Amino acid sequence: MGIPDYYVVHAAGIPSILKVDARTGSKITFIDQAEVYGNIEKVAAGEDDTFYLAVRPDDSTACASVIYRTRMGVGDSPKVDVRRMVRLRAGGHVGALAVTRDGSRLAYVDDGCGSGTPQTLTVHDVKTNMSESWSITTAGKNLSAKHLAWAGQDRIALSVIEPCTADPGEFCLPDTVVRMLDTRDPGRDLARASELRRWREAGSDLPIAFSADASSLFTPSDDKEGIEETSIADGNVLGEFDLSGEGGRIVDLAMDAAGQHLLVESTTSLDHLDVRLGRSATLPWPLDVRRPFDVAW
């Protein structure tokens, strides 16, 4: 199976949401940020040509974001009609966003308002309009989550930064940990979430993605310039992949619906990795678009 026909990026400037031909780098459709009356914070892929956007209102004093669902298919006009975007959910500032492949459940991290406020993970059922929330804390410590990835319909993984405590006059770097939460389990924090992967003293957030059957986890390698595949069952490393790009630090990952093609954003390039064949290639990029904040396909 070949690579997906297109990818979607959230980049600086206007328009800020672009659907791009993965083979030529040409723009297919776009969303004009000026028409959504706010700043687009996150983008995530759902079912078919459907994408989800978290938008923070223009009013900088408002501690609220709105999540919209929209189609980005090819129509008579390359510009997406924002009047047809479906408003799904309102929350605080959205620090991470993920959607199940059938579009039935979305999850987002609410960064809260003001310093010291714990982050919250909310899972929203699109069909029933019901939501559940978990405090992103464990053992009384506030954690920081910047990346989410669904593992099927009921389990979701969070890439979190754990706080560290240094001795007086000393400096410490926090660990980054991938924790898996089963949304069917009781509890309203991450105390019951299992640990899948830990980077000692990583000091920063790291992106995550799952295989199609959620049996393995894809993360940046220890040097953060390659990709590592880890078994969910026993934590063993199943494979390591080099990328064809210029060796920049990996900042975002997105797996396609087939679980074969991994979209890899680094500080220097946008790459495609075929995880079955172990081959990678740098994707073409629109020349007039700056480095993306978020990627999806």
Protein backbone atom coordinates (compact mmCIF):
# COMPACT_ATOMS: atom_id res chain seq x y z
CA MET A 1 0.00 0.00 0.00
CA GLY A 2 1.39 3.40 -1.01
CA ILE A 3 1.66 6.44 1.18
CA PRO A 4 -1.49 8.48 1.89
CA ASP A 5 -2.39 10.96 -0.84
CA TYR A 6 -2.06 13.98 1.42
CA TYR A 7 -1.09 15.28 4.82
CA VAL A 8 -2.53 18.12 6.90
CA VAL A 9 -0.39 20.65 8.76
CA HIS A 10 -0.97 23.43 11.23
CA ALA A 11 1.65 26.02 10.36
CA ALA A 12 2.43 29.63 11.19
CA GLY A 13 0.75 32.32 9.12
CA ILE A 14 -2.52 32.54 7.22
CA PRO A 15 -3.92 30.20 6.05
CA SER A 16 -2.72 28.09 8.95
CA ILE A 17 -4.39 24.71 8.23
CA LEU A 18 -3.29 23.22 4.93
CA LYS A 19 -4.06 19.96 3.15
CA VAL A 20 -0.98 19.19 1.08
CA ASP A 21 -0.37 16.67 -1.72
CA ALA A 22 2.13 14.20 -0.24
CA ARG A 23 3.78 13.55 -3.61
CA THR A 24 4.09 17.05 -5.04
CA GLY A 25 3.92 19.38 -2.02
CA SER A 26 1.17 21.44 -3.66
CA LYS A 27 -1.68 22.85 -1.57
CA ILE A 28 -5.07 21.15 -2.03
CA THR A 29 -7.39 22.87 0.44
CA PHE A 30 -6.98 25.24 3.35
CA ILE A 31 -8.70 26.85 6.32
CA ASP A 32 -8.34 30.59 6.77
CA GLN A 33 -7.55 31.18 10.45
CA ALA A 34 -8.93 34.71 10.21
CA GLU A 35 -12.41 33.22 9.69
CA VAL A 36 -12.46 31.00 12.78
CA TYR A 37 -12.25 34.06 15.08
CA GLY A 38 -9.38 32.72 17.11
CA ASN A 39 -6.01 31.01 17.15
CA ILE A 40 -5.87 27.39 16.03
CA GLU A 41 -4.02 25.41 18.71
CA LYS A 42 -4.15 21.77 17.57
CA VAL A 43 -5.21 19.59 14.64
CA ALA A 44 -5.99 15.85 14.67
CA ALA A 45 -7.15 13.34 12.05
CA GLY A 46 -10.37 11.37 12.37
CA GLU A 47 -12.45 9.34 9.93
CA ASP A 48 -12.05 9.66 6.15
CA ASP A 49 -11.43 13.30 5.19
CA THR A 50 -12.52 14.55 8.63
CA PHE A 51 -10.25 16.61 10.88
CA TYR A 52 -10.62 18.17 14.30
CA LEU A 53 -9.40 21.60 15.31
CA ALA A 54 -8.94 23.18 18.72
CA VAL A 55 -9.41 26.95 18.47
CA ARG A 56 -8.68 29.52 21.16
CA PRO A 57 -10.84 32.67 20.90
CA ASP A 58 -9.24 35.98 19.91
CA ASP A 59 -10.05 37.34 23.35
CA SER A 60 -6.73 36.71 25.12
CA THR A 61 -8.41 36.95 28.55
CA ALA A 62 -10.76 34.05 27.83
CA CYS A 63 -9.64 30.71 29.26
CA ALA A 64 -11.56 28.60 26.79
CA SER A 65 -11.12 26.74 23.53
CA VAL A 66 -13.61 25.25 21.11
CA ILE A 67 -13.11 21.95 19.27
CA TYR A 68 -14.56 21.77 15.77
CA ARG A 69 -15.05 18.93 13.30
CA THR A 70 -14.64 19.72 9.60
CA ARG A 71 -14.24 17.97 6.24
CA MET A 72 -11.26 18.83 4.07
CA GLY A 73 -12.27 17.10 0.84
CA VAL A 74 -11.74 18.50 -2.63
CA GLY A 75 -14.72 20.64 -3.60
CA ASP A 76 -15.50 23.45 -6.02
CA SER A 77 -13.35 25.81 -3.96
CA PRO A 78 -10.02 25.01 -2.30
CA LYS A 79 -11.10 27.08 0.69
CA VAL A 80 -12.97 25.24 3.47
CA ASP A 81 -16.30 26.86 4.37
CA VAL A 82 -15.89 27.41 8.13
CA ARG A 83 -19.65 27.95 8.47
CA ARG A 84 -20.03 24.19 8.01
CA MET A 85 -17.61 23.32 10.79
CA VAL A 86 -19.37 21.42 13.61
CA ARG A 87 -18.82 22.72 17.13
CA LEU A 88 -18.24 19.69 19.38
CA ARG A 89 -16.83 20.74 22.69
CA ALA A 90 -15.71 23.76 24.72
CA GLY A 91 -12.90 23.55 27.24
CA GLY A 92 -9.87 25.39 28.56
CA HIS A 93 -6.64 25.84 26.64
CA VAL A 94 -6.02 22.65 24.64
CA GLY A 95 -2.47 21.31 25.00
CA ALA A 96 -3.00 18.03 23.10
CA LEU A 97 -5.74 16.52 20.93
CA ALA A 98 -6.39 12.99 19.62
CA VAL A 99 -9.34 11.30 17.90
CA THR A 100 -10.20 7.63 17.41
CA ARG A 101 -10.02 6.55 13.77
CA ASP A 102 -13.79 6.17 13.50
CA GLY A 103 -14.31 9.65 14.93
CA SER A 104 -16.48 8.38 17.78
CA ARG A 105 -14.30 9.60 20.67
CA LEU A 106 -12.00 12.55 21.04
CA ALA A 107 -9.56 13.22 23.84
CA TYR A 108 -7.89 16.46 24.77
CA VAL A 109 -5.63 17.85 27.45
CA ASP A 110 -6.93 20.96 29.18
CA ASP A 111 -3.93 23.03 30.26
CA GLY A 112 -6.03 24.86 32.81
CA CYS A 113 -5.90 28.56 33.58
CA GLY A 114 -3.16 30.05 35.70
CA SER A 115 0.02 28.62 37.14
CA GLY A 116 -0.20 25.57 39.40
CA THR A 117 -3.48 24.34 37.95
CA PRO A 118 -3.30 20.60 37.19
CA GLN A 119 -3.89 19.56 33.62
CA THR A 120 -6.99 17.51 32.87
CA LEU A 121 -7.54 14.75 30.31
CA THR A 122 -11.10 14.76 28.94
CA VAL A 123 -12.57 12.00 26.77
CA HIS A 124 -15.69 13.07 24.86
CA ASP A 125 -18.12 10.68 23.16
CA VAL A 126 -19.24 12.40 19.97
CA LYS A 127 -22.46 10.38 19.58
CA THR A 128 -23.77 10.62 23.15
CA ASN A 129 -22.24 14.03 23.93
CA MET A 130 -21.04 12.60 27.28
CA SER A 131 -17.59 13.33 28.70
CA GLU A 132 -15.31 11.97 31.41
CA SER A 133 -12.23 13.62 32.87
CA TRP A 134 -9.05 12.57 34.66
CA SER A 135 -6.60 14.76 36.53
CA ILE A 136 -3.13 14.42 35.01
CA THR A 137 -1.56 13.70 38.38
CA THR A 138 -0.14 10.69 40.19
CA ALA A 139 1.01 10.31 43.78
CA GLY A 140 0.02 13.93 44.40
CA LYS A 141 2.33 15.28 41.65
CA ASN A 142 1.19 17.39 38.73
CA LEU A 143 2.39 15.99 35.40
CA SER A 144 2.65 17.79 32.07
CA ALA A 145 1.19 16.11 28.95
CA LYS A 146 1.79 17.41 25.43
CA HIS A 147 1.07 14.33 23.28
CA LEU A 148 -1.81 11.82 23.15
CA ALA A 149 -2.41 8.68 21.07
CA TRP A 150 -5.39 6.31 21.03
CA ALA A 151 -4.69 2.57 21.26
CA GLY A 152 -8.03 1.29 19.99
CA GLN A 153 -11.34 2.63 21.30
CA ASP A 154 -10.84 2.46 25.07
CA ARG A 155 -7.17 2.95 25.84
CA ILE A 156 -5.26 6.18 25.41
CA ALA A 157 -1.59 6.91 25.98
CA LEU A 158 -0.16 10.16 27.30
CA SER A 159 3.43 11.31 26.93
CA VAL A 160 4.02 13.14 30.21
CA ILE A 161 6.88 14.97 31.87
CA GLU A 162 7.36 13.98 35.51
CA PRO A 163 8.68 16.65 37.89
CA CYS A 164 12.04 16.11 39.53
CA THR A 165 13.41 17.46 42.81
CA ALA A 166 17.01 18.61 42.98
CA ASP A 167 19.15 19.04 46.07
CA PRO A 168 19.92 22.64 47.08
CA GLY A 169 22.33 24.16 44.59
CA GLU A 170 21.84 21.27 42.15
CA PHE A 171 20.00 20.99 38.85
CA CYS A 172 17.87 18.09 37.61
CA LEU A 173 16.18 17.11 34.35
CA PRO A 174 12.71 15.50 34.55
CA ASP A 175 11.91 12.08 33.12
CA THR A 176 9.51 11.72 30.20
CA VAL A 177 7.11 8.78 30.58
CA VAL A 178 4.48 7.21 28.33
CA ARG A 179 1.50 6.12 30.43
CA MET A 180 -1.47 4.09 29.17
CA LEU A 181 -4.90 4.82 30.61
CA ASP A 182 -7.83 2.43 30.18
CA THR A 183 -10.86 4.70 30.14
CA ARG A 184 -13.07 1.85 31.40
CA ASP A 185 -11.17 1.59 34.70
CA PRO A 186 -12.36 3.48 37.79
CA GLY A 187 -10.31 6.40 39.04
CA ARG A 188 -9.99 10.03 38.19
CA ASP A 189 -6.22 10.44 37.93
CA LEU A 190 -3.31 8.51 36.37
CA ALA A 191 -2.60 6.35 39.41
CA ARG A 192 -3.86 3.23 37.58
CA ALA A 193 -2.27 4.10 34.24
CA SER A 194 0.46 1.64 33.28
CA GLU A 195 3.96 2.75 32.31
CA LEU A 196 4.94 1.83 28.74
CA ARG A 197 8.20 3.70 28.20
CA ARG A 198 10.50 5.96 30.19
CA TRP A 199 13.29 8.29 29.10
CA ARG A 200 15.55 9.17 31.99
CA GLU A 201 16.29 12.89 32.28
CA ALA A 202 14.82 13.60 28.84
CA GLY A 203 13.84 17.08 29.97
CA SER A 204 11.21 17.58 27.26
CA ASP A 205 7.98 16.16 25.83
CA LEU A 206 8.25 13.37 23.24
CA PRO A 207 5.65 12.35 20.61
CA ILE A 208 4.03 8.89 20.37
CA ALA A 209 2.07 6.74 17.88
CA PHE A 210 0.69 3.18 17.80
CA SER A 211 0.62 0.36 15.27
CA ALA A 212 -2.74 -0.47 13.69
CA ASP A 213 -3.49 -3.23 16.22
CA ALA A 214 -2.04 -1.18 19.12
CA SER A 215 0.44 -3.99 19.89
CA SER A 216 3.47 -1.75 19.53
CA LEU A 217 4.44 1.84 20.29
CA PHE A 218 6.48 4.15 18.08
CA THR A 219 8.58 6.84 19.77
CA PRO A 220 11.73 8.83 19.06
CA SER A 221 14.92 6.85 19.72
CA ASP A 222 17.13 7.79 22.64
CA ASP A 223 19.02 10.37 20.55
CA LYS A 224 15.61 11.74 19.41
CA GLU A 225 16.68 11.62 15.73
CA GLY A 226 15.40 8.13 14.77
CA ILE A 227 12.32 6.00 15.46
CA GLU A 228 12.05 3.07 17.87
CA GLU A 229 9.28 0.46 17.95
CA THR A 230 8.52 -1.13 21.33
CA SER A 231 6.27 -4.08 22.18
CA ILE A 232 3.34 -3.16 24.44
CA ALA A 233 3.22 -6.69 25.89
CA ASP A 234 6.78 -6.94 27.24
CA GLY A 235 8.54 -3.64 26.51
CA ASN A 236 11.08 -5.25 24.18
CA VAL A 237 12.45 -3.18 21.31
CA LEU A 238 11.08 -4.59 18.04
CA GLY A 239 12.91 -2.34 15.64
CA GLU A 240 14.91 0.84 15.13
CA PHE A 241 14.54 3.05 12.05
CA ASP A 242 16.77 5.75 10.63
CA LEU A 243 15.22 8.65 8.78
CA SER A 244 16.22 10.15 5.44
CA GLY A 245 15.98 13.74 6.72
CA GLU A 246 18.75 15.95 8.02
CA GLY A 247 18.85 14.51 11.52
CA GLY A 248 16.81 17.10 13.42
CA ARG A 249 15.08 16.46 16.74
CA ILE A 250 11.72 14.70 16.28
CA VAL A 251 8.83 16.80 17.60
CA ASP A 252 5.64 15.15 16.27
CA LEU A 253 4.39 11.78 14.96
CA ALA A 254 1.19 10.74 13.17
CA MET A 255 0.26 7.21 12.04
CA ASP A 256 -2.06 6.64 9.09
CA ALA A 257 -5.27 4.60 9.40
CA ALA A 258 -3.60 1.47 7.95
CA GLY A 259 -0.88 1.55 10.62
CA GLN A 260 1.87 1.39 7.99
CA HIS A 261 2.89 4.95 7.26
CA LEU A 262 4.31 7.17 10.00
CA LEU A 263 4.45 10.91 9.44
CA VAL A 264 7.50 12.29 11.24
CA GLU A 265 8.01 15.99 11.89
CA SER A 266 11.49 17.04 13.00
CA THR A 267 13.12 20.43 13.49
CA THR A 268 14.66 20.15 10.01
CA SER A 269 12.25 18.20 7.79
CA LEU A 270 8.98 16.33 7.34
CA ASP A 271 9.54 12.62 6.66
CA HIS A 272 7.51 9.53 5.85
CA LEU A 273 8.48 6.16 7.37
CA ASP A 274 7.05 2.90 6.06
CA VAL A 275 7.20 0.87 9.27
CA ARG A 276 6.62 -2.46 7.48
CA LEU A 277 9.40 -2.03 4.93
CA GLY A 278 11.67 0.11 7.11
CA ARG A 279 12.07 2.75 4.41
CA SER A 280 11.87 6.51 4.84
CA ALA A 281 11.73 9.51 2.53
CA THR A 282 11.51 13.25 2.98
CA LEU A 283 8.13 14.65 1.92
CA PRO A 284 7.81 17.69 -0.34
CA TRP A 285 6.83 20.88 1.45
CA PRO A 286 5.15 24.08 0.16
CA LEU A 287 7.92 26.64 -0.28
CA ASP A 288 5.87 29.53 1.11
CA VAL A 289 4.81 27.72 4.30
CA ARG A 290 6.83 27.94 7.49
CA ARG A 291 7.65 25.08 9.83
CA PRO A 292 4.50 23.31 11.14
CA PHE A 293 3.23 23.13 14.71
CA ASP A 294 1.12 19.98 14.18
CA VAL A 295 0.90 17.28 11.50
CA ALA A 296 -1.71 14.64 10.63
CA TRP A 297 -2.83 12.31 7.86
